[in-house]
Amino acid sequence: MVEGYCVKCKAKQEMSNAEEVTMKNGRKAMKGKCPKCDTGMYRITGGGAKKK
């Protein structure tokens, strides 16, 4: 499981239904839901876009 910060609970929580996504700028992130309040959570994991 991936840990992220829930802005509604104001605490770190384990994400449920976490999946890896790629943002528009090419960076990788994990997207999931808070198990307590069901709010969407997002955590940037790295792998920045390559500059030319």
N, C-alpha and C. Protein backbone atom coordinates (compact mmCIF):
# COMPACT_ATOMS: atom_id res chain seq x y z
N MET A 1 0.84 -1.19 0.00
CA MET A 1 0.00 0.00 0.00
C MET A 1 0.88 1.25 0.00
N VAL A 2 0.33 2.31 -0.54
CA VAL A 2 1.05 3.59 -0.65
C VAL A 2 0.47 4.55 0.37
N GLU A 3 1.34 5.27 1.05
CA GLU A 3 0.91 6.23 2.04
C GLU A 3 0.86 7.62 1.42
N GLY A 4 -0.19 8.36 1.71
CA GLY A 4 -0.34 9.72 1.20
C GLY A 4 -0.99 10.59 2.25
N TYR A 5 -1.08 11.88 1.99
CA TYR A 5 -1.67 12.83 2.93
C TYR A 5 -3.09 13.16 2.51
N CYS A 6 -4.03 12.98 3.41
CA CYS A 6 -5.42 13.33 3.15
C CYS A 6 -5.67 14.74 3.68
N VAL A 7 -6.08 15.65 2.81
CA VAL A 7 -6.30 17.03 3.23
C VAL A 7 -7.58 17.19 4.04
N LYS A 8 -8.52 16.28 3.89
CA LYS A 8 -9.76 16.35 4.65
C LYS A 8 -9.56 15.85 6.08
N CYS A 9 -8.86 14.71 6.24
CA CYS A 9 -8.58 14.15 7.56
C CYS A 9 -7.39 14.85 8.23
N LYS A 10 -6.57 15.55 7.44
CA LYS A 10 -5.36 16.22 7.90
C LYS A 10 -4.40 15.25 8.57
N ALA A 11 -4.22 14.09 7.93
CA ALA A 11 -3.32 13.06 8.45
C ALA A 11 -2.84 12.18 7.31
N LYS A 12 -1.72 11.47 7.55
CA LYS A 12 -1.24 10.50 6.57
C LYS A 12 -2.08 9.24 6.67
N GLN A 13 -2.48 8.72 5.52
CA GLN A 13 -3.30 7.52 5.46
C GLN A 13 -2.75 6.60 4.39
N GLU A 14 -3.06 5.32 4.50
CA GLU A 14 -2.75 4.36 3.45
C GLU A 14 -3.81 4.50 2.36
N MET A 15 -3.41 4.70 1.12
CA MET A 15 -4.36 4.85 0.01
C MET A 15 -5.01 3.51 -0.32
N SER A 16 -6.30 3.55 -0.56
CA SER A 16 -6.98 2.35 -1.06
C SER A 16 -7.21 2.55 -2.56
N ASN A 17 -7.22 1.47 -3.31
CA ASN A 17 -7.39 1.51 -4.77
C ASN A 17 -6.32 2.36 -5.44
N ALA A 18 -5.09 2.29 -4.95
CA ALA A 18 -3.99 3.09 -5.50
C ALA A 18 -3.57 2.56 -6.87
N GLU A 19 -3.35 3.49 -7.79
CA GLU A 19 -2.87 3.14 -9.13
C GLU A 19 -1.87 4.19 -9.59
N GLU A 20 -0.89 3.75 -10.39
CA GLU A 20 0.12 4.67 -10.90
C GLU A 20 -0.40 5.38 -12.13
N VAL A 21 -0.24 6.70 -12.17
CA VAL A 21 -0.66 7.50 -13.31
C VAL A 21 0.51 8.38 -13.74
N THR A 22 0.46 8.89 -14.97
CA THR A 22 1.44 9.82 -15.49
C THR A 22 0.76 11.17 -15.69
N MET A 23 1.34 12.21 -15.10
CA MET A 23 0.76 13.54 -15.22
C MET A 23 1.10 14.14 -16.58
N LYS A 24 0.51 15.27 -16.91
CA LYS A 24 0.72 15.92 -18.20
C LYS A 24 2.18 16.29 -18.43
N ASN A 25 2.90 16.63 -17.35
CA ASN A 25 4.30 17.03 -17.51
C ASN A 25 5.25 15.83 -17.54
N GLY A 26 4.73 14.60 -17.52
CA GLY A 26 5.55 13.41 -17.63
C GLY A 26 5.95 12.78 -16.31
N ARG A 27 5.65 13.41 -15.19
CA ARG A 27 6.01 12.86 -13.89
C ARG A 27 5.05 11.76 -13.49
N LYS A 28 5.55 10.81 -12.71
CA LYS A 28 4.74 9.70 -12.22
C LYS A 28 4.10 10.08 -10.88
N ALA A 29 2.91 9.55 -10.63
CA ALA A 29 2.21 9.81 -9.38
C ALA A 29 1.34 8.61 -9.03
N MET A 30 0.94 8.52 -7.78
CA MET A 30 0.01 7.50 -7.32
C MET A 30 -1.30 8.19 -6.98
N LYS A 31 -2.39 7.61 -7.43
CA LYS A 31 -3.72 8.18 -7.23
C LYS A 31 -4.57 7.13 -6.53
N GLY A 32 -5.29 7.54 -5.49
CA GLY A 32 -6.12 6.60 -4.75
C GLY A 32 -7.18 7.32 -3.93
N LYS A 33 -7.77 6.59 -2.99
CA LYS A 33 -8.82 7.13 -2.13
C LYS A 33 -8.43 6.96 -0.67
N CYS A 34 -8.90 7.87 0.18
CA CYS A 34 -8.70 7.77 1.62
C CYS A 34 -9.66 6.70 2.16
N PRO A 35 -9.16 5.75 2.95
CA PRO A 35 -10.03 4.69 3.45
C PRO A 35 -11.05 5.16 4.49
N LYS A 36 -10.80 6.30 5.14
CA LYS A 36 -11.72 6.79 6.18
C LYS A 36 -12.83 7.67 5.64
N CYS A 37 -12.46 8.64 4.75
CA CYS A 37 -13.46 9.62 4.30
C CYS A 37 -13.76 9.53 2.81
N ASP A 38 -13.06 8.64 2.07
CA ASP A 38 -13.29 8.40 0.64
C ASP A 38 -12.95 9.61 -0.24
N THR A 39 -12.09 10.50 0.25
CA THR A 39 -11.62 11.64 -0.53
C THR A 39 -10.49 11.20 -1.44
N GLY A 40 -10.41 11.79 -2.63
CA GLY A 40 -9.33 11.47 -3.55
C GLY A 40 -7.99 11.92 -3.01
N MET A 41 -6.97 11.05 -3.13
CA MET A 41 -5.62 11.37 -2.67
C MET A 41 -4.66 11.24 -3.84
N TYR A 42 -3.56 11.98 -3.78
CA TYR A 42 -2.60 12.03 -4.87
C TYR A 42 -1.22 12.15 -4.25
N ARG A 43 -0.25 11.36 -4.74
CA ARG A 43 1.13 11.47 -4.26
C ARG A 43 2.07 11.41 -5.45
N ILE A 44 2.91 12.44 -5.59
CA ILE A 44 3.89 12.47 -6.66
C ILE A 44 5.06 11.58 -6.25
N THR A 45 5.43 10.63 -7.11
CA THR A 45 6.47 9.67 -6.78
C THR A 45 7.82 9.98 -7.40
N GLY A 46 7.87 10.80 -8.42
CA GLY A 46 9.15 11.17 -9.02
C GLY A 46 9.20 10.84 -10.50
N GLY A 47 10.40 10.72 -11.02
CA GLY A 47 10.56 10.43 -12.44
C GLY A 47 10.18 11.63 -13.29
N GLY A 48 10.81 12.76 -13.02
CA GLY A 48 10.50 14.01 -13.71
C GLY A 48 10.67 13.94 -15.22
N ALA A 49 10.08 14.89 -15.90
CA ALA A 49 10.15 14.97 -17.36
C ALA A 49 11.58 15.30 -17.78
N LYS A 50 12.02 14.73 -18.86
CA LYS A 50 13.36 14.98 -19.38
C LYS A 50 13.38 16.24 -20.21
N LYS A 51 14.35 17.11 -19.93
CA LYS A 51 14.47 18.35 -20.69
C LYS A 51 15.43 18.12 -21.84
N LYS A 52 15.14 18.78 -22.96
CA LYS A 52 16.00 18.66 -24.15
C LYS A 52 16.93 19.83 -24.24
